N, C-alpha and C. Protein backbone atom coordinates (compact mmCIF):
# COMPACT_ATOMS: atom_id res chain seq x y z
N LEU A 1 127.40 91.15 218.36
CA LEU A 1 126.67 89.91 218.56
C LEU A 1 125.19 90.22 218.69
N VAL A 2 124.39 89.69 217.80
CA VAL A 2 122.94 89.85 217.87
C VAL A 2 122.39 88.67 218.66
N ILE A 3 121.67 88.96 219.72
CA ILE A 3 121.09 87.90 220.54
C ILE A 3 119.60 87.85 220.24
N GLY A 4 119.11 86.67 219.92
CA GLY A 4 117.71 86.54 219.59
C GLY A 4 117.11 85.25 220.09
N CYS A 5 115.81 85.20 220.00
CA CYS A 5 115.07 84.04 220.45
C CYS A 5 115.53 82.78 219.73
N GLY A 6 115.68 81.71 220.50
CA GLY A 6 116.04 80.42 219.94
C GLY A 6 117.53 80.16 219.89
N GLN A 7 118.35 81.19 220.01
CA GLN A 7 119.80 80.98 219.98
C GLN A 7 120.26 80.36 221.29
N CYS A 8 121.34 79.58 221.22
CA CYS A 8 121.88 78.90 222.40
C CYS A 8 123.19 79.54 222.82
N PHE A 9 123.40 79.61 224.13
CA PHE A 9 124.59 80.23 224.70
C PHE A 9 125.15 79.37 225.81
N GLN A 10 126.47 79.25 225.82
CA GLN A 10 127.15 78.63 226.95
C GLN A 10 127.50 79.77 227.91
N ILE A 11 127.06 79.63 229.15
CA ILE A 11 127.25 80.68 230.14
C ILE A 11 128.10 80.15 231.29
N THR A 12 129.06 80.97 231.71
CA THR A 12 129.94 80.64 232.82
C THR A 12 129.94 81.81 233.80
N CYS A 13 129.79 81.52 235.07
CA CYS A 13 129.89 82.55 236.11
C CYS A 13 131.35 82.97 236.20
N SER A 14 131.60 84.29 236.28
CA SER A 14 132.99 84.75 236.31
C SER A 14 133.18 85.86 237.33
N LYS A 15 134.29 85.79 238.02
CA LYS A 15 134.74 86.86 238.92
C LYS A 15 133.75 87.19 240.03
N SER A 16 133.19 86.16 240.64
CA SER A 16 132.31 86.37 241.79
C SER A 16 132.62 85.28 242.82
N PRO A 17 132.61 85.61 244.09
CA PRO A 17 132.84 84.59 245.11
C PRO A 17 131.70 83.57 245.17
N HIS A 18 130.57 83.87 244.53
CA HIS A 18 129.42 82.97 244.54
C HIS A 18 129.48 81.93 243.41
N CYS A 19 130.43 82.07 242.50
CA CYS A 19 130.55 81.15 241.35
C CYS A 19 130.96 79.76 241.80
N TYR A 20 130.42 78.75 241.13
CA TYR A 20 130.93 77.39 241.26
C TYR A 20 132.07 77.27 240.27
N SER A 21 133.23 76.96 240.74
CA SER A 21 134.44 76.94 239.93
C SER A 21 134.34 75.98 238.75
N GLY A 22 134.64 76.50 237.55
CA GLY A 22 134.71 75.67 236.35
C GLY A 22 133.38 75.17 235.82
N LYS A 23 132.27 75.67 236.32
CA LYS A 23 130.96 75.20 235.88
C LYS A 23 130.38 76.11 234.81
N SER A 24 129.69 75.51 233.85
CA SER A 24 128.98 76.28 232.83
C SER A 24 127.68 75.56 232.51
N THR A 25 126.81 76.25 231.81
CA THR A 25 125.56 75.64 231.36
C THR A 25 125.20 76.23 230.01
N VAL A 26 124.43 75.50 229.23
CA VAL A 26 123.95 75.98 227.94
C VAL A 26 122.47 76.32 228.10
N VAL A 27 122.11 77.52 227.67
CA VAL A 27 120.72 77.98 227.76
C VAL A 27 120.23 78.39 226.37
N THR A 28 118.93 78.39 226.21
CA THR A 28 118.29 78.86 224.98
C THR A 28 117.60 80.18 225.28
N ALA A 29 117.92 81.22 224.52
CA ALA A 29 117.25 82.51 224.67
C ALA A 29 115.82 82.36 224.19
N THR A 30 114.87 82.78 225.02
CA THR A 30 113.46 82.63 224.65
C THR A 30 112.76 83.94 224.39
N ASN A 31 113.34 85.04 224.81
CA ASN A 31 112.74 86.34 224.56
C ASN A 31 113.79 87.40 224.87
N LEU A 32 113.58 88.60 224.42
CA LEU A 32 114.50 89.69 224.71
C LEU A 32 114.02 90.45 225.93
N CYS A 33 114.96 90.91 226.70
CA CYS A 33 114.69 91.66 227.92
C CYS A 33 114.48 93.13 227.54
N PRO A 34 113.32 93.72 227.81
CA PRO A 34 113.08 95.10 227.40
C PRO A 34 113.85 96.09 228.27
N PRO A 35 114.39 97.16 227.67
CA PRO A 35 115.12 98.16 228.45
C PRO A 35 114.19 98.94 229.37
N ASN A 36 114.75 99.44 230.46
CA ASN A 36 114.02 100.31 231.39
C ASN A 36 114.81 101.61 231.47
N TRP A 37 114.46 102.56 230.63
CA TRP A 37 115.22 103.80 230.52
C TRP A 37 115.11 104.68 231.75
N TYR A 38 114.19 104.37 232.67
CA TYR A 38 114.04 105.16 233.89
C TYR A 38 114.97 104.70 235.00
N GLN A 39 115.70 103.60 234.77
CA GLN A 39 116.63 103.06 235.76
C GLN A 39 118.05 103.10 235.22
N ASP A 40 119.01 103.34 236.11
CA ASP A 40 120.42 103.25 235.75
C ASP A 40 120.75 101.80 235.41
N SER A 41 121.66 101.59 234.47
CA SER A 41 122.03 100.23 234.04
C SER A 41 122.57 99.38 235.18
N ASN A 42 123.08 99.99 236.22
CA ASN A 42 123.63 99.24 237.34
C ASN A 42 122.70 99.22 238.55
N ALA A 43 121.50 99.74 238.40
CA ALA A 43 120.57 99.80 239.52
C ALA A 43 119.14 99.58 239.04
N GLY A 44 118.90 98.45 238.42
CA GLY A 44 117.55 98.11 237.99
C GLY A 44 117.33 98.12 236.49
N GLY A 45 118.18 98.81 235.75
CA GLY A 45 118.05 98.83 234.29
C GLY A 45 118.92 97.76 233.66
N TRP A 46 118.78 96.53 234.15
CA TRP A 46 119.66 95.42 233.75
C TRP A 46 119.61 95.14 232.26
N CYS A 47 118.54 95.52 231.61
CA CYS A 47 118.38 95.21 230.19
C CYS A 47 118.72 96.38 229.28
N ASN A 48 119.21 97.46 229.84
CA ASN A 48 119.55 98.63 229.03
C ASN A 48 120.81 98.38 228.21
N PRO A 49 120.78 98.73 226.91
CA PRO A 49 121.99 98.60 226.10
C PRO A 49 123.10 99.47 226.67
N PRO A 50 124.34 99.10 226.52
CA PRO A 50 124.85 97.95 225.76
C PRO A 50 124.95 96.68 226.61
N ARG A 51 124.41 96.72 227.82
CA ARG A 51 124.48 95.57 228.72
C ARG A 51 123.72 94.37 228.13
N THR A 52 124.31 93.19 228.28
CA THR A 52 123.63 91.95 227.93
C THR A 52 123.23 91.28 229.23
N HIS A 53 121.98 90.88 229.33
CA HIS A 53 121.44 90.34 230.58
C HIS A 53 120.73 89.02 230.30
N PHE A 54 121.08 87.99 231.02
CA PHE A 54 120.39 86.70 230.93
C PHE A 54 119.59 86.51 232.21
N ASP A 55 118.28 86.48 232.10
CA ASP A 55 117.40 86.22 233.24
C ASP A 55 117.14 84.73 233.23
N MET A 56 117.84 84.00 234.08
CA MET A 56 117.85 82.54 234.00
C MET A 56 116.88 81.89 234.98
N ALA A 57 116.34 80.76 234.56
CA ALA A 57 115.51 79.94 235.44
C ALA A 57 116.39 79.39 236.57
N LYS A 58 115.79 79.14 237.70
CA LYS A 58 116.53 78.69 238.88
C LYS A 58 117.40 77.45 238.62
N PRO A 59 116.89 76.39 237.96
CA PRO A 59 117.74 75.21 237.75
C PRO A 59 119.01 75.52 236.94
N ALA A 60 118.91 76.39 235.94
CA ALA A 60 120.09 76.75 235.14
C ALA A 60 121.05 77.61 235.96
N PHE A 61 120.51 78.57 236.70
CA PHE A 61 121.33 79.46 237.53
C PHE A 61 122.11 78.65 238.56
N MET A 62 121.46 77.66 239.17
CA MET A 62 122.09 76.88 240.23
C MET A 62 123.22 75.98 239.72
N LYS A 63 123.35 75.84 238.42
CA LYS A 63 124.50 75.12 237.87
C LYS A 63 125.75 76.00 237.88
N LEU A 64 125.54 77.32 238.00
CA LEU A 64 126.64 78.28 237.93
C LEU A 64 127.06 78.86 239.27
N ALA A 65 126.06 79.12 240.14
CA ALA A 65 126.34 79.84 241.37
C ALA A 65 125.28 79.54 242.43
N TYR A 66 125.60 79.93 243.65
CA TYR A 66 124.68 79.81 244.76
C TYR A 66 123.44 80.65 244.46
N TRP A 67 122.25 80.07 244.64
CA TRP A 67 120.99 80.70 244.24
C TRP A 67 120.80 82.09 244.83
N ARG A 68 121.12 82.28 246.09
CA ARG A 68 120.88 83.57 246.75
C ARG A 68 121.88 84.65 246.34
N ALA A 69 122.80 84.31 245.45
CA ALA A 69 123.78 85.30 244.98
C ALA A 69 123.09 86.43 244.22
N GLY A 70 121.93 86.14 243.63
CA GLY A 70 121.20 87.17 242.88
C GLY A 70 121.82 87.41 241.53
N ILE A 71 122.32 88.59 241.30
CA ILE A 71 122.92 88.94 240.01
C ILE A 71 124.40 88.62 240.06
N ILE A 72 124.87 87.88 239.05
CA ILE A 72 126.28 87.49 238.99
C ILE A 72 126.87 87.90 237.64
N PRO A 73 128.15 88.20 237.60
CA PRO A 73 128.79 88.47 236.31
C PRO A 73 129.00 87.16 235.55
N VAL A 74 128.76 87.19 234.26
CA VAL A 74 128.92 85.97 233.46
C VAL A 74 129.75 86.25 232.21
N ALA A 75 130.36 85.19 231.72
CA ALA A 75 130.97 85.19 230.40
C ALA A 75 130.08 84.29 229.56
N TYR A 76 129.87 84.64 228.29
CA TYR A 76 129.01 83.81 227.46
C TYR A 76 129.55 83.76 226.04
N ARG A 77 129.15 82.69 225.35
CA ARG A 77 129.48 82.57 223.94
C ARG A 77 128.36 81.81 223.26
N ARG A 78 128.13 82.15 222.02
CA ARG A 78 127.11 81.49 221.21
C ARG A 78 127.60 80.10 220.85
N VAL A 79 126.72 79.10 220.97
CA VAL A 79 127.05 77.72 220.61
C VAL A 79 125.90 77.16 219.79
N PRO A 80 126.16 76.12 218.97
CA PRO A 80 125.07 75.48 218.24
C PRO A 80 124.06 74.87 219.21
N CYS A 81 122.81 74.90 218.84
CA CYS A 81 121.76 74.28 219.65
C CYS A 81 121.74 72.78 219.36
N GLN A 82 121.97 71.99 220.38
CA GLN A 82 121.95 70.53 220.23
C GLN A 82 120.54 70.05 220.54
N ARG A 83 119.86 69.53 219.56
CA ARG A 83 118.48 69.07 219.73
C ARG A 83 118.35 67.66 219.17
N SER A 84 117.36 66.93 219.65
CA SER A 84 117.05 65.62 219.08
C SER A 84 115.55 65.54 218.89
N GLY A 85 115.13 64.78 217.91
CA GLY A 85 113.71 64.58 217.69
C GLY A 85 113.05 65.51 216.70
N GLY A 86 113.79 66.44 216.13
CA GLY A 86 113.22 67.31 215.11
C GLY A 86 112.42 68.47 215.69
N MET A 87 112.09 69.43 214.80
CA MET A 87 111.29 70.59 215.20
C MET A 87 109.90 70.15 215.63
N ARG A 88 109.33 70.93 216.55
CA ARG A 88 107.96 70.68 216.99
C ARG A 88 107.16 71.96 216.81
N PHE A 89 105.91 71.79 216.46
CA PHE A 89 105.02 72.92 216.21
C PHE A 89 103.78 72.76 217.09
N GLN A 90 103.49 73.77 217.91
CA GLN A 90 102.28 73.75 218.72
C GLN A 90 101.26 74.68 218.08
N PHE A 91 100.04 74.19 217.94
CA PHE A 91 99.00 74.88 217.19
C PHE A 91 97.99 75.56 218.10
N GLN A 92 97.61 76.79 217.73
CA GLN A 92 96.48 77.50 218.30
C GLN A 92 95.77 78.15 217.12
N GLY A 93 94.51 78.45 217.28
CA GLY A 93 93.85 79.16 216.19
C GLY A 93 92.38 78.86 216.07
N ASN A 94 91.82 79.39 214.99
CA ASN A 94 90.41 79.18 214.67
C ASN A 94 90.29 79.18 213.15
N SER A 95 89.09 79.36 212.66
CA SER A 95 88.86 79.26 211.21
C SER A 95 89.61 80.31 210.39
N TYR A 96 90.00 81.42 211.01
CA TYR A 96 90.60 82.51 210.24
C TYR A 96 91.97 82.95 210.75
N TRP A 97 92.51 82.24 211.74
CA TRP A 97 93.77 82.65 212.35
C TRP A 97 94.52 81.43 212.84
N LEU A 98 95.82 81.40 212.57
CA LEU A 98 96.67 80.29 213.00
C LEU A 98 97.88 80.85 213.74
N LEU A 99 98.14 80.35 214.94
CA LEU A 99 99.32 80.73 215.71
C LEU A 99 100.14 79.48 215.95
N ILE A 100 101.41 79.53 215.57
CA ILE A 100 102.31 78.39 215.72
C ILE A 100 103.45 78.76 216.65
N PHE A 101 103.65 77.95 217.69
CA PHE A 101 104.79 78.09 218.58
C PHE A 101 105.79 77.03 218.15
N VAL A 102 107.00 77.46 217.76
CA VAL A 102 108.02 76.55 217.22
C VAL A 102 108.99 76.18 218.33
N MET A 103 109.24 74.89 218.48
CA MET A 103 110.14 74.40 219.52
C MET A 103 111.18 73.46 218.93
N ASN A 104 112.24 73.24 219.69
CA ASN A 104 113.25 72.23 219.37
C ASN A 104 113.95 72.50 218.04
N VAL A 105 114.27 73.77 217.79
CA VAL A 105 114.96 74.15 216.56
C VAL A 105 116.46 73.97 216.78
N GLY A 106 117.07 73.07 216.06
CA GLY A 106 118.50 72.79 216.22
C GLY A 106 119.36 73.75 215.42
N GLY A 107 120.66 73.51 215.42
CA GLY A 107 121.61 74.33 214.66
C GLY A 107 121.69 75.74 215.21
N ALA A 108 121.45 76.73 214.37
CA ALA A 108 121.51 78.13 214.81
C ALA A 108 120.44 78.41 215.86
N GLY A 109 119.30 77.72 215.75
CA GLY A 109 118.23 77.85 216.73
C GLY A 109 117.30 79.02 216.54
N ASP A 110 117.72 80.01 215.77
CA ASP A 110 116.90 81.21 215.62
C ASP A 110 116.04 81.14 214.36
N ILE A 111 115.01 81.98 214.33
CA ILE A 111 114.09 82.00 213.19
C ILE A 111 113.98 83.42 212.67
N LYS A 112 114.27 83.59 211.38
CA LYS A 112 114.13 84.90 210.73
C LYS A 112 112.73 85.04 210.16
N SER A 113 112.26 83.97 209.51
CA SER A 113 110.94 84.03 208.89
C SER A 113 110.33 82.64 208.85
N MET A 114 109.02 82.64 208.70
CA MET A 114 108.28 81.39 208.66
C MET A 114 107.10 81.54 207.71
N ALA A 115 106.76 80.45 207.04
CA ALA A 115 105.61 80.44 206.13
C ALA A 115 104.87 79.12 206.32
N VAL A 116 103.59 79.14 206.01
CA VAL A 116 102.76 77.95 206.09
C VAL A 116 102.16 77.67 204.72
N LYS A 117 101.98 76.41 204.41
CA LYS A 117 101.34 76.01 203.15
C LYS A 117 100.27 74.99 203.48
N GLY A 118 99.04 75.36 203.18
CA GLY A 118 97.95 74.41 203.31
C GLY A 118 97.91 73.50 202.10
N SER A 119 97.22 72.39 202.21
CA SER A 119 97.15 71.45 201.08
C SER A 119 96.40 72.05 199.89
N ARG A 120 95.67 73.16 200.10
CA ARG A 120 94.96 73.82 199.00
C ARG A 120 95.42 75.27 198.81
N THR A 121 96.58 75.64 199.35
CA THR A 121 97.06 77.02 199.21
C THR A 121 98.52 77.02 198.75
N ASN A 122 98.97 78.19 198.35
CA ASN A 122 100.40 78.40 198.13
C ASN A 122 101.02 78.76 199.48
N TRP A 123 102.32 79.06 199.48
CA TRP A 123 102.99 79.47 200.71
C TRP A 123 102.43 80.81 201.17
N ILE A 124 102.13 80.92 202.47
CA ILE A 124 101.61 82.13 203.09
C ILE A 124 102.63 82.57 204.13
N SER A 125 103.16 83.80 203.98
CA SER A 125 104.11 84.32 204.97
C SER A 125 103.41 84.50 206.30
N MET A 126 104.12 84.15 207.37
CA MET A 126 103.59 84.32 208.72
C MET A 126 104.30 85.50 209.37
N SER A 127 103.59 86.23 210.22
CA SER A 127 104.21 87.35 210.93
C SER A 127 104.63 86.90 212.32
N HIS A 128 105.68 87.54 212.81
CA HIS A 128 106.19 87.22 214.14
C HIS A 128 105.22 87.76 215.18
N ASN A 129 104.80 86.92 216.11
CA ASN A 129 103.87 87.34 217.16
C ASN A 129 104.63 87.70 218.43
N TRP A 130 105.36 86.76 219.00
CA TRP A 130 106.21 86.97 220.18
C TRP A 130 107.07 85.73 220.34
N GLY A 131 108.22 85.87 221.01
CA GLY A 131 109.09 84.71 221.25
C GLY A 131 109.30 83.91 219.98
N ALA A 132 108.97 82.64 220.03
CA ALA A 132 109.09 81.76 218.86
C ALA A 132 107.71 81.44 218.30
N SER A 133 106.81 82.41 218.34
CA SER A 133 105.44 82.23 217.84
C SER A 133 105.23 83.05 216.57
N TYR A 134 104.60 82.41 215.59
CA TYR A 134 104.32 83.05 214.31
C TYR A 134 102.86 82.83 213.97
N GLN A 135 102.25 83.82 213.28
CA GLN A 135 100.82 83.77 213.00
C GLN A 135 100.52 84.04 211.54
N ALA A 136 99.40 83.49 211.11
CA ALA A 136 98.88 83.75 209.76
C ALA A 136 97.38 83.99 209.89
N PHE A 137 96.90 85.00 209.19
CA PHE A 137 95.47 85.30 209.18
C PHE A 137 94.89 84.75 207.89
N SER A 138 94.65 83.46 207.89
CA SER A 138 94.14 82.76 206.71
C SER A 138 93.25 81.61 207.17
N SER A 139 92.35 81.22 206.32
CA SER A 139 91.49 80.09 206.61
C SER A 139 92.20 78.81 206.17
N LEU A 140 92.75 78.08 207.15
CA LEU A 140 93.52 76.87 206.85
C LEU A 140 92.91 75.62 207.45
N TYR A 141 91.76 75.75 208.12
CA TYR A 141 91.10 74.57 208.69
C TYR A 141 90.77 73.58 207.59
N GLY A 142 90.87 72.31 207.91
CA GLY A 142 90.53 71.26 206.96
C GLY A 142 91.63 70.98 205.95
N GLN A 143 92.81 71.58 206.13
CA GLN A 143 93.93 71.36 205.22
C GLN A 143 95.12 70.80 205.99
N SER A 144 95.84 69.89 205.39
CA SER A 144 97.10 69.48 206.00
C SER A 144 98.07 70.64 205.83
N LEU A 145 98.99 70.79 206.80
CA LEU A 145 99.87 71.95 206.82
C LEU A 145 101.35 71.58 206.74
N SER A 146 102.09 72.37 205.97
CA SER A 146 103.54 72.27 205.87
C SER A 146 104.11 73.62 206.28
N PHE A 147 105.37 73.62 206.76
CA PHE A 147 106.00 74.86 207.20
C PHE A 147 107.36 75.05 206.57
N ARG A 148 107.70 76.31 206.35
CA ARG A 148 109.03 76.70 205.85
C ARG A 148 109.63 77.64 206.89
N VAL A 149 110.77 77.25 207.45
CA VAL A 149 111.41 78.01 208.53
C VAL A 149 112.80 78.42 208.08
N THR A 150 113.11 79.71 208.15
CA THR A 150 114.42 80.23 207.73
C THR A 150 115.16 80.81 208.92
N SER A 151 116.43 80.45 209.06
CA SER A 151 117.28 80.92 210.15
C SER A 151 117.74 82.35 209.90
N TYR A 152 117.73 83.15 210.94
CA TYR A 152 118.24 84.52 210.87
C TYR A 152 119.75 84.51 210.67
N THR A 153 120.44 83.67 211.41
CA THR A 153 121.90 83.67 211.42
C THR A 153 122.51 83.06 210.17
N THR A 154 122.04 81.87 209.79
CA THR A 154 122.68 81.14 208.69
C THR A 154 121.97 81.31 207.36
N GLY A 155 120.71 81.74 207.37
CA GLY A 155 119.94 81.85 206.14
C GLY A 155 119.41 80.50 205.66
N GLU A 156 119.73 79.43 206.38
CA GLU A 156 119.28 78.09 206.00
C GLU A 156 117.76 78.01 206.11
N THR A 157 117.14 77.35 205.12
CA THR A 157 115.70 77.15 205.13
C THR A 157 115.41 75.67 205.29
N ILE A 158 114.52 75.36 206.23
CA ILE A 158 114.10 73.99 206.48
C ILE A 158 112.63 73.88 206.10
N TYR A 159 112.31 72.84 205.36
CA TYR A 159 110.93 72.55 204.99
C TYR A 159 110.43 71.39 205.84
N ALA A 160 109.31 71.59 206.49
CA ALA A 160 108.67 70.54 207.28
C ALA A 160 107.35 70.22 206.57
N TRP A 161 107.37 69.18 205.76
CA TRP A 161 106.23 68.85 204.90
C TRP A 161 105.19 68.05 205.67
N ASN A 162 103.92 68.40 205.45
CA ASN A 162 102.77 67.67 205.99
C ASN A 162 102.91 67.37 207.48
N VAL A 163 103.23 68.41 208.24
CA VAL A 163 103.41 68.28 209.68
C VAL A 163 102.08 68.02 210.38
N ALA A 164 101.04 68.66 209.91
CA ALA A 164 99.73 68.53 210.55
C ALA A 164 98.74 67.92 209.57
N PRO A 165 97.95 66.95 210.02
CA PRO A 165 96.92 66.37 209.15
C PRO A 165 95.78 67.37 208.93
N ALA A 166 94.91 67.07 208.00
CA ALA A 166 93.80 67.97 207.68
C ALA A 166 92.87 68.20 208.87
N ASN A 167 92.84 67.29 209.83
CA ASN A 167 91.95 67.46 210.99
C ASN A 167 92.68 68.04 212.21
N TRP A 168 93.75 68.83 211.98
CA TRP A 168 94.49 69.43 213.09
C TRP A 168 93.58 70.33 213.91
N SER A 169 93.94 70.54 215.16
CA SER A 169 93.16 71.44 216.02
C SER A 169 94.09 72.15 216.99
N GLY A 170 93.62 73.24 217.57
CA GLY A 170 94.40 74.02 218.51
C GLY A 170 94.77 73.23 219.75
N GLY A 171 95.91 73.57 220.33
CA GLY A 171 96.37 72.91 221.54
C GLY A 171 97.20 71.67 221.29
N LYS A 172 97.32 71.24 220.06
CA LYS A 172 98.08 70.03 219.72
C LYS A 172 99.52 70.39 219.37
N THR A 173 100.43 69.44 219.58
CA THR A 173 101.83 69.60 219.20
C THR A 173 102.19 68.50 218.23
């Protein structure tokens, strides 16, 4: 099982006295947990392979177990991401650089690749920056923008045409 940013998982607390019986929650993976090779996997190296570790926000954790339980054993399975309202793109950048944070990706939820097309350019491949952020080093100011997003898991490509008007600016979604 490859776990990546944007994928959704149903998580259930299992085999702990701190678990709330029969409760589960669905979470979206937002980043990968880096390994700590200087720590044992059971004593601080929670992210060391082959261990899978979900570092959950308090509201999600509290759906599964008592908050002060700390680390709990979980069972998990990949599930489709249920989203409404379509993909959202948050813009940062300047005259020569564009950074896009992609949100609300339904279905598989993950992103393998992304490209941008200005109203006066061909498709420009974007490089992965971090999390669900992709960047292009191109002058795209003054152009309306379209995006092409391809899923890692399914290979499906979604085209989001004319998402941003020609007068787009950083900080907008």
